[in-house]
Amino acid sequence: MEENLKGIVPHQFGDHSLCQARFCGYKRNPTEKNIHRSLPYKTSLHDDSLRERLQDLFKPYTTHAHQYIDLGSSQQCEHANKEVSSY
């Protein structure tokens, strides 16, 4: 899970080195033009300072990823939601 979370920000900037094929269309078919449907102008982001800020924002989630893996009961899910919302 940690590896998948680490790939989210770079993916939005066109860096697919941390992506896994099951989550990334580019990894599944690198010869096809990759369109980011949810991003402005449907293209990769380019602002380096934005990338750094987003990386910093995601750090707590990637650091604590191991806590989110086995959320079997609703009580565990509620605890994880509380942890995530506290950042």
PDB file of N, CA and C in Angstrom:
ATOM      1  N   MET A   1       0.821  -1.183   0.000  1.00  0.00           N
ATOM      2  CA  MET A   1       0.000   0.000   0.000  1.00  0.00           C
ATOM      3  C   MET A   1       0.872   1.256   0.000  1.00  0.00           C
ATOM      4  N   GLU A   2       1.941   1.224   0.774  1.00  0.00           N
ATOM      5  CA  GLU A   2       2.832   2.389   0.846  1.00  0.00           C
ATOM      6  C   GLU A   2       3.386   2.745  -0.529  1.00  0.00           C
ATOM      7  N   GLU A   3       3.782   1.727  -1.282  1.00  0.00           N
ATOM      8  CA  GLU A   3       4.332   1.971  -2.619  1.00  0.00           C
ATOM      9  C   GLU A   3       3.283   2.601  -3.539  1.00  0.00           C
ATOM     10  N   ASN A   4       2.046   2.139  -3.435  1.00  0.00           N
ATOM     11  CA  ASN A   4       0.976   2.713  -4.261  1.00  0.00           C
ATOM     12  C   ASN A   4       0.728   4.171  -3.902  1.00  0.00           C
ATOM     13  N   LEU A   5       0.723   4.478  -2.609  1.00  0.00           N
ATOM     14  CA  LEU A   5       0.503   5.860  -2.177  1.00  0.00           C
ATOM     15  C   LEU A   5       1.645   6.769  -2.627  1.00  0.00           C
ATOM     16  N   LYS A   6       2.863   6.246  -2.594  1.00  0.00           N
ATOM     17  CA  LYS A   6       4.018   7.046  -3.021  1.00  0.00           C
ATOM     18  C   LYS A   6       3.952   7.396  -4.506  1.00  0.00           C
ATOM     19  N   GLY A   7       3.240   6.610  -5.281  1.00  0.00           N
ATOM     20  CA  GLY A   7       3.156   6.846  -6.716  1.00  0.00           C
ATOM     21  C   GLY A   7       2.094   7.846  -7.138  1.00  0.00           C
ATOM     22  N   ILE A   8       1.205   8.242  -6.234  1.00  0.00           N
ATOM     23  CA  ILE A   8       0.083   9.110  -6.608  1.00  0.00           C
ATOM     24  C   ILE A   8       0.546  10.466  -7.130  1.00  0.00           C
ATOM     25  N   VAL A   9       1.373  11.159  -6.369  1.00  0.00           N
ATOM     26  CA  VAL A   9       1.796  12.505  -6.779  1.00  0.00           C
ATOM     27  C   VAL A   9       2.663  12.459  -8.039  1.00  0.00           C
ATOM     28  N   PRO A  10       3.704  11.627  -8.091  1.00  0.00           N
ATOM     29  CA  PRO A  10       4.509  11.595  -9.320  1.00  0.00           C
ATOM     30  C   PRO A  10       3.670  11.264 -10.561  1.00  0.00           C
ATOM     31  N   HIS A  11       2.687  10.377 -10.401  1.00  0.00           N
ATOM     32  CA  HIS A  11       1.820  10.003 -11.527  1.00  0.00           C
ATOM     33  C   HIS A  11       1.131  11.230 -12.121  1.00  0.00           C
ATOM     34  N   GLN A  12       0.655  12.122 -11.266  1.00  0.00           N
ATOM     35  CA  GLN A  12      -0.048  13.320 -11.739  1.00  0.00           C
ATOM     36  C   GLN A  12       0.882  14.262 -12.500  1.00  0.00           C
ATOM     37  N   PHE A  13       2.186  14.087 -12.301  1.00  0.00           N
ATOM     38  CA  PHE A  13       3.183  14.925 -12.971  1.00  0.00           C
ATOM     39  C   PHE A  13       3.860  14.189 -14.132  1.00  0.00           C
ATOM     40  N   GLY A  14       3.290  13.070 -14.537  1.00  0.00           N
ATOM     41  CA  GLY A  14       3.809  12.341 -15.691  1.00  0.00           C
ATOM     42  C   GLY A  14       4.967  11.415 -15.388  1.00  0.00           C
ATOM     43  N   ASP A  15       5.299  11.233 -14.115  1.00  0.00           N
ATOM     44  CA  ASP A  15       6.376  10.328 -13.711  1.00  0.00           C
ATOM     45  C   ASP A  15       5.728   9.016 -13.272  1.00  0.00           C
ATOM     46  N   HIS A  16       5.871   7.985 -14.070  1.00  0.00           N
ATOM     47  CA  HIS A  16       5.200   6.717 -13.805  1.00  0.00           C
ATOM     48  C   HIS A  16       6.151   5.662 -13.247  1.00  0.00           C
ATOM     49  N   SER A  17       7.322   6.074 -12.792  1.00  0.00           N
ATOM     50  CA  SER A  17       8.323   5.123 -12.297  1.00  0.00           C
ATOM     51  C   SER A  17       7.859   4.387 -11.040  1.00  0.00           C
ATOM     52  N   LEU A  18       6.976   4.981 -10.248  1.00  0.00           N
ATOM     53  CA  LEU A  18       6.489   4.331  -9.029  1.00  0.00           C
ATOM     54  C   LEU A  18       5.108   3.709  -9.208  1.00  0.00           C
ATOM     55  N   CYS A  19       4.546   3.831 -10.398  1.00  0.00           N
ATOM     56  CA  CYS A  19       3.200   3.316 -10.668  1.00  0.00           C
ATOM     57  C   CYS A  19       3.213   1.802 -10.847  1.00  0.00           C
ATOM     58  N   GLN A  20       2.072   1.199 -10.544  1.00  0.00           N
ATOM     59  CA  GLN A  20       1.854  -0.206 -10.852  1.00  0.00           C
ATOM     60  C   GLN A  20       0.813  -0.284 -11.956  1.00  0.00           C
ATOM     61  N   ALA A  21       0.941  -1.266 -12.818  1.00  0.00           N
ATOM     62  CA  ALA A  21       0.087  -1.363 -14.003  1.00  0.00           C
ATOM     63  C   ALA A  21      -1.397  -1.426 -13.665  1.00  0.00           C
ATOM     64  N   ARG A  22      -1.751  -2.024 -12.546  1.00  0.00           N
ATOM     65  CA  ARG A  22      -3.182  -2.140 -12.244  1.00  0.00           C
ATOM     66  C   ARG A  22      -3.827  -0.803 -11.918  1.00  0.00           C
ATOM     67  N   PHE A  23      -3.021   0.217 -11.610  1.00  0.00           N
ATOM     68  CA  PHE A  23      -3.552   1.543 -11.315  1.00  0.00           C
ATOM     69  C   PHE A  23      -3.215   2.577 -12.382  1.00  0.00           C
ATOM     70  N   CYS A  24      -2.348   2.253 -13.303  1.00  0.00           N
ATOM     71  CA  CYS A  24      -1.816   3.261 -14.227  1.00  0.00           C
ATOM     72  C   CYS A  24      -1.984   2.833 -15.683  1.00  0.00           C
ATOM     73  N   GLY A  25      -2.774   3.600 -16.420  1.00  0.00           N
ATOM     74  CA  GLY A  25      -2.987   3.311 -17.831  1.00  0.00           C
ATOM     75  C   GLY A  25      -1.713   3.400 -18.643  1.00  0.00           C
ATOM     76  N   TYR A  26      -0.830   4.323 -18.268  1.00  0.00           N
ATOM     77  CA  TYR A  26       0.443   4.462 -18.977  1.00  0.00           C
ATOM     78  C   TYR A  26       1.272   3.188 -18.845  1.00  0.00           C
ATOM     79  N   LYS A  27       1.321   2.611 -17.642  1.00  0.00           N
ATOM     80  CA  LYS A  27       2.093   1.377 -17.434  1.00  0.00           C
ATOM     81  C   LYS A  27       1.481   0.213 -18.209  1.00  0.00           C
ATOM     82  N   ARG A  28       0.150   0.203 -18.327  1.00  0.00           N
ATOM     83  CA  ARG A  28      -0.505  -0.875 -19.066  1.00  0.00           C
ATOM     84  C   ARG A  28      -0.254  -0.754 -20.562  1.00  0.00           C
ATOM     85  N   ASN A  29      -0.192   0.487 -21.061  1.00  0.00           N
ATOM     86  CA  ASN A  29      -0.016   0.696 -22.496  1.00  0.00           C
ATOM     87  C   ASN A  29       0.777   1.982 -22.730  1.00  0.00           C
ATOM     88  N   PRO A  30       2.113   1.923 -22.611  1.00  0.00           N
ATOM     89  CA  PRO A  30       2.940   3.132 -22.722  1.00  0.00           C
ATOM     90  C   PRO A  30       2.962   3.773 -24.110  1.00  0.00           C
ATOM     91  N   THR A  31       2.562   3.045 -25.134  1.00  0.00           N
ATOM     92  CA  THR A  31       2.572   3.629 -26.477  1.00  0.00           C
ATOM     93  C   THR A  31       1.332   4.483 -26.744  1.00  0.00           C
ATOM     94  N   GLU A  32       0.290   4.297 -25.937  1.00  0.00           N
ATOM     95  CA  GLU A  32      -0.938   5.073 -26.103  1.00  0.00           C
ATOM     96  C   GLU A  32      -0.819   6.400 -25.351  1.00  0.00           C
ATOM     97  N   LYS A  33      -1.379   7.463 -25.908  1.00  0.00           N
ATOM     98  CA  LYS A  33      -1.322   8.771 -25.252  1.00  0.00           C
ATOM     99  C   LYS A  33      -2.111   8.715 -23.946  1.00  0.00           C
ATOM    100  N   ASN A  34      -1.467   9.121 -22.875  1.00  0.00           N
ATOM    101  CA  ASN A  34      -2.082   9.078 -21.553  1.00  0.00           C
ATOM    102  C   ASN A  34      -2.825  10.381 -21.285  1.00  0.00           C
ATOM    103  N   ILE A  35      -4.105  10.284 -20.992  1.00  0.00           N
ATOM    104  CA  ILE A  35      -4.918  11.466 -20.700  1.00  0.00           C
ATOM    105  C   ILE A  35      -5.323  11.432 -19.233  1.00  0.00           C
ATOM    106  N   HIS A  36      -5.039  12.511 -18.523  1.00  0.00           N
ATOM    107  CA  HIS A  36      -5.469  12.640 -17.130  1.00  0.00           C
ATOM    108  C   HIS A  36      -6.849  13.285 -17.134  1.00  0.00           C
ATOM    109  N   ARG A  37      -7.879  12.490 -17.090  1.00  0.00           N
ATOM    110  CA  ARG A  37      -9.243  13.011 -17.197  1.00  0.00           C
ATOM    111  C   ARG A  37      -9.611  13.969 -16.072  1.00  0.00           C
ATOM    112  N   SER A  38      -9.028  13.797 -14.904  1.00  0.00           N
ATOM    113  CA  SER A  38      -9.418  14.619 -13.753  1.00  0.00           C
ATOM    114  C   SER A  38      -8.551  15.865 -13.575  1.00  0.00           C
ATOM    115  N   LEU A  39      -7.557  16.056 -14.427  1.00  0.00           N
ATOM    116  CA  LEU A  39      -6.669  17.212 -14.294  1.00  0.00           C
ATOM    117  C   LEU A  39      -7.030  18.301 -15.300  1.00  0.00           C
ATOM    118  N   PRO A  40      -6.689  19.552 -14.966  1.00  0.00           N
ATOM    119  CA  PRO A  40      -6.955  20.649 -15.908  1.00  0.00           C
ATOM    120  C   PRO A  40      -6.260  20.389 -17.248  1.00  0.00           C
ATOM    121  N   TYR A  41      -6.940  20.663 -18.304  1.00  0.00           N
ATOM    122  CA  TYR A  41      -6.445  20.486 -19.675  1.00  0.00           C
ATOM    123  C   TYR A  41      -6.113  19.028 -20.003  1.00  0.00           C
ATOM    124  N   LYS A  42      -6.502  18.111 -19.114  1.00  0.00           N
ATOM    125  CA  LYS A  42      -6.312  16.666 -19.315  1.00  0.00           C
ATOM    126  C   LYS A  42      -4.860  16.286 -19.619  1.00  0.00           C
ATOM    127  N   THR A  43      -3.933  16.989 -18.999  1.00  0.00           N
ATOM    128  CA  THR A  43      -2.508  16.725 -19.194  1.00  0.00           C
ATOM    129  C   THR A  43      -1.799  16.719 -17.837  1.00  0.00           C
ATOM    130  N   SER A  44      -0.592  16.192 -17.803  1.00  0.00           N
ATOM    131  CA  SER A  44       0.182  16.119 -16.558  1.00  0.00           C
ATOM    132  C   SER A  44       0.461  17.509 -16.004  1.00  0.00           C
ATOM    133  N   LEU A  45       0.588  17.576 -14.691  1.00  0.00           N
ATOM    134  CA  LEU A  45       0.948  18.829 -14.029  1.00  0.00           C
ATOM    135  C   LEU A  45       2.438  19.094 -14.234  1.00  0.00           C
ATOM    136  N   HIS A  46       2.854  20.383 -14.099  1.00  0.00           N
ATOM    137  CA  HIS A  46       4.252  20.735 -14.379  1.00  0.00           C
ATOM    138  C   HIS A  46       4.910  21.611 -13.316  1.00  0.00           C
ATOM    139  N   ASP A  47       4.186  22.105 -12.354  1.00  0.00           N
ATOM    140  CA  ASP A  47       4.705  23.056 -11.370  1.00  0.00           C
ATOM    141  C   ASP A  47       5.510  22.329 -10.285  1.00  0.00           C
ATOM    142  N   ASP A  48       6.834  22.556 -10.246  1.00  0.00           N
ATOM    143  CA  ASP A  48       7.706  21.866  -9.286  1.00  0.00           C
ATOM    144  C   ASP A  48       7.373  22.207  -7.838  1.00  0.00           C
ATOM    145  N   SER A  49       7.015  23.454  -7.565  1.00  0.00           N
ATOM    146  CA  SER A  49       6.692  23.824  -6.182  1.00  0.00           C
ATOM    147  C   SER A  49       5.384  23.155  -5.744  1.00  0.00           C
ATOM    148  N   LEU A  50       4.430  23.024  -6.653  1.00  0.00           N
ATOM    149  CA  LEU A  50       3.187  22.310  -6.342  1.00  0.00           C
ATOM    150  C   LEU A  50       3.488  20.847  -6.050  1.00  0.00           C
ATOM    151  N   ARG A  51       4.369  20.262  -6.846  1.00  0.00           N
ATOM    152  CA  ARG A  51       4.733  18.857  -6.630  1.00  0.00           C
ATOM    153  C   ARG A  51       5.346  18.665  -5.246  1.00  0.00           C
ATOM    154  N   GLU A  52       6.243  19.549  -4.850  1.00  0.00           N
ATOM    155  CA  GLU A  52       6.864  19.454  -3.525  1.00  0.00           C
ATOM    156  C   GLU A  52       5.826  19.584  -2.420  1.00  0.00           C
ATOM    157  N   ARG A  53       4.909  20.524  -2.578  1.00  0.00           N
ATOM    158  CA  ARG A  53       3.872  20.722  -1.560  1.00  0.00           C
ATOM    159  C   ARG A  53       2.950  19.503  -1.470  1.00  0.00           C
ATOM    160  N   LEU A  54       2.606  18.939  -2.609  1.00  0.00           N
ATOM    161  CA  LEU A  54       1.763  17.747  -2.599  1.00  0.00           C
ATOM    162  C   LEU A  54       2.489  16.560  -1.974  1.00  0.00           C
ATOM    163  N   GLN A  55       3.781  16.425  -2.269  1.00  0.00           N
ATOM    164  CA  GLN A  55       4.574  15.349  -1.657  1.00  0.00           C
ATOM    165  C   GLN A  55       4.558  15.491  -0.136  1.00  0.00           C
ATOM    166  N   ASP A  56       4.727  16.725   0.337  1.00  0.00           N
ATOM    167  CA  ASP A  56       4.704  16.972   1.778  1.00  0.00           C
ATOM    168  C   ASP A  56       3.339  16.650   2.375  1.00  0.00           C
ATOM    169  N   LEU A  57       2.287  16.969   1.628  1.00  0.00           N
ATOM    170  CA  LEU A  57       0.925  16.684   2.086  1.00  0.00           C
ATOM    171  C   LEU A  57       0.679  15.183   2.213  1.00  0.00           C
ATOM    172  N   PHE A  58       1.212  14.405   1.294  1.00  0.00           N
ATOM    173  CA  PHE A  58       0.985  12.963   1.283  1.00  0.00           C
ATOM    174  C   PHE A  58       1.900  12.198   2.236  1.00  0.00           C
ATOM    175  N   LYS A  59       2.972  12.828   2.697  1.00  0.00           N
ATOM    176  CA  LYS A  59       3.950  12.139   3.546  1.00  0.00           C
ATOM    177  C   LYS A  59       3.329  11.424   4.751  1.00  0.00           C
ATOM    178  N   PRO A  60       2.459  12.080   5.528  1.00  0.00           N
ATOM    179  CA  PRO A  60       1.881  11.381   6.684  1.00  0.00           C
ATOM    180  C   PRO A  60       1.092  10.131   6.290  1.00  0.00           C
ATOM    181  N   TYR A  61       0.438  10.151   5.152  1.00  0.00           N
ATOM    182  CA  TYR A  61      -0.348   8.997   4.716  1.00  0.00           C
ATOM    183  C   TYR A  61       0.547   7.852   4.281  1.00  0.00           C
ATOM    184  N   THR A  62       1.634   8.161   3.586  1.00  0.00           N
ATOM    185  CA  THR A  62       2.543   7.096   3.170  1.00  0.00           C
ATOM    186  C   THR A  62       3.302   6.540   4.364  1.00  0.00           C
ATOM    187  N   THR A  63       3.645   7.402   5.305  1.00  0.00           N
ATOM    188  CA  THR A  63       4.362   6.965   6.500  1.00  0.00           C
ATOM    189  C   THR A  63       3.528   5.995   7.332  1.00  0.00           C
ATOM    190  N   HIS A  64       2.227   6.237   7.403  1.00  0.00           N
ATOM    191  CA  HIS A  64       1.344   5.411   8.234  1.00  0.00           C
ATOM    192  C   HIS A  64       0.536   4.407   7.420  1.00  0.00           C
ATOM    193  N   ALA A  65       0.961   4.123   6.207  1.00  0.00           N
ATOM    194  CA  ALA A  65       0.203   3.236   5.318  1.00  0.00           C
ATOM    195  C   ALA A  65      -0.028   1.860   5.931  1.00  0.00           C
ATOM    196  N   HIS A  66       0.929   1.374   6.685  1.00  0.00           N
ATOM    197  CA  HIS A  66       0.785   0.046   7.283  1.00  0.00           C
ATOM    198  C   HIS A  66      -0.424  -0.034   8.211  1.00  0.00           C
ATOM    199  N   GLN A  67      -0.864   1.097   8.757  1.00  0.00           N
ATOM    200  CA  GLN A  67      -2.016   1.112   9.657  1.00  0.00           C
ATOM    201  C   GLN A  67      -3.333   0.941   8.910  1.00  0.00           C
ATOM    202  N   TYR A  68      -3.334   1.212   7.619  1.00  0.00           N
ATOM    203  CA  TYR A  68      -4.578   1.187   6.854  1.00  0.00           C
ATOM    204  C   TYR A  68      -4.813  -0.135   6.131  1.00  0.00           C
ATOM    205  N   ILE A  69      -3.879  -1.052   6.216  1.00  0.00           N
ATOM    206  CA  ILE A  69      -3.970  -2.283   5.430  1.00  0.00           C
ATOM    207  C   ILE A  69      -5.048  -3.233   5.949  1.00  0.00           C
ATOM    208  N   ASP A  70      -5.032  -3.550   7.219  1.00  0.00           N
ATOM    209  CA  ASP A  70      -5.974  -4.529   7.780  1.00  0.00           C
ATOM    210  C   ASP A  70      -7.085  -3.836   8.550  1.00  0.00           C
ATOM    211  N   LEU A  71      -7.992  -3.242   7.837  1.00  0.00           N
ATOM    212  CA  LEU A  71      -9.115  -2.564   8.480  1.00  0.00           C
ATOM    213  C   LEU A  71     -10.348  -3.453   8.366  1.00  0.00           C
ATOM    214  N   GLY A  72     -10.370  -4.511   9.183  1.00  0.00           N
ATOM    215  CA  GLY A  72     -11.449  -5.485   9.090  1.00  0.00           C
ATOM    216  C   GLY A  72     -12.764  -5.028   9.677  1.00  0.00           C
ATOM    217  N   SER A  73     -12.755  -4.432  10.852  1.00  0.00           N
ATOM    218  CA  SER A  73     -14.014  -4.050  11.492  1.00  0.00           C
ATOM    219  C   SER A  73     -14.322  -2.583  11.249  1.00  0.00           C
ATOM    220  N   SER A  74     -15.570  -2.217  11.471  1.00  0.00           N
ATOM    221  CA  SER A  74     -15.958  -0.817  11.283  1.00  0.00           C
ATOM    222  C   SER A  74     -15.270   0.072  12.312  1.00  0.00           C
ATOM    223  N   GLN A  75     -14.974  -0.477  13.489  1.00  0.00           N
ATOM    224  CA  GLN A  75     -14.269   0.307  14.504  1.00  0.00           C
ATOM    225  C   GLN A  75     -12.862   0.653  14.010  1.00  0.00           C
ATOM    226  N   GLN A  76     -12.187  -0.296  13.385  1.00  0.00           N
ATOM    227  CA  GLN A  76     -10.863  -0.033  12.833  1.00  0.00           C
ATOM    228  C   GLN A  76     -10.938   0.992  11.714  1.00  0.00           C
ATOM    229  N   CYS A  77     -11.970   0.899  10.890  1.00  0.00           N
ATOM    230  CA  CYS A  77     -12.144   1.863   9.796  1.00  0.00           C
ATOM    231  C   CYS A  77     -12.381   3.261  10.349  1.00  0.00           C
ATOM    232  N   GLU A  78     -13.207   3.355  11.378  1.00  0.00           N
ATOM    233  CA  GLU A  78     -13.472   4.657  11.990  1.00  0.00           C
ATOM    234  C   GLU A  78     -12.195   5.240  12.585  1.00  0.00           C
ATOM    235  N   HIS A  79     -11.386   4.395  13.196  1.00  0.00           N
ATOM    236  CA  HIS A  79     -10.119   4.862  13.759  1.00  0.00           C
ATOM    237  C   HIS A  79      -9.205   5.374  12.643  1.00  0.00           C
ATOM    238  N   ALA A  80      -9.137   4.648  11.545  1.00  0.00           N
ATOM    239  CA  ALA A  80      -8.303   5.077  10.418  1.00  0.00           C
ATOM    240  C   ALA A  80      -8.809   6.396   9.848  1.00  0.00           C
ATOM    241  N   ASN A  81     -10.117   6.543   9.726  1.00  0.00           N
ATOM    242  CA  ASN A  81     -10.684   7.803   9.235  1.00  0.00           C
ATOM    243  C   ASN A  81     -10.318   8.958  10.152  1.00  0.00           C
ATOM    244  N   LYS A  82     -10.349   8.705  11.453  1.00  0.00           N
ATOM    245  CA  LYS A  82      -9.982   9.743  12.422  1.00  0.00           C
ATOM    246  C   LYS A  82      -8.515  10.123  12.256  1.00  0.00           C
ATOM    247  N   GLU A  83      -7.657   9.125  12.077  1.00  0.00           N
ATOM    248  CA  GLU A  83      -6.229   9.378  11.894  1.00  0.00           C
ATOM    249  C   GLU A  83      -5.978  10.203  10.636  1.00  0.00           C
ATOM    250  N   VAL A  84      -6.615   9.827   9.551  1.00  0.00           N
ATOM    251  CA  VAL A  84      -6.419  10.522   8.281  1.00  0.00           C
ATOM    252  C   VAL A  84      -6.914  11.957   8.367  1.00  0.00           C
ATOM    253  N   SER A  85      -8.053  12.158   9.003  1.00  0.00           N
ATOM    254  CA  SER A  85      -8.623  13.513   9.068  1.00  0.00           C
ATOM    255  C   SER A  85      -7.872  14.418  10.033  1.00  0.00           C
ATOM    256  N   SER A  86      -6.994  13.857  10.846  1.00  0.00           N
ATOM    257  CA  SER A  86      -6.262  14.691  11.811  1.00  0.00           C
ATOM    258  C   SER A  86      -5.037  15.364  11.199  1.00  0.00           C
ATOM    259  N   TYR A  87      -4.654  15.010   9.968  1.00  0.00           N
ATOM    260  CA  TYR A  87      -3.463  15.597   9.346  1.00  0.00           C
ATOM    261  C   TYR A  87      -3.772  16.910   8.718  1.00  0.00           C
TER     262      TYR A  87
END
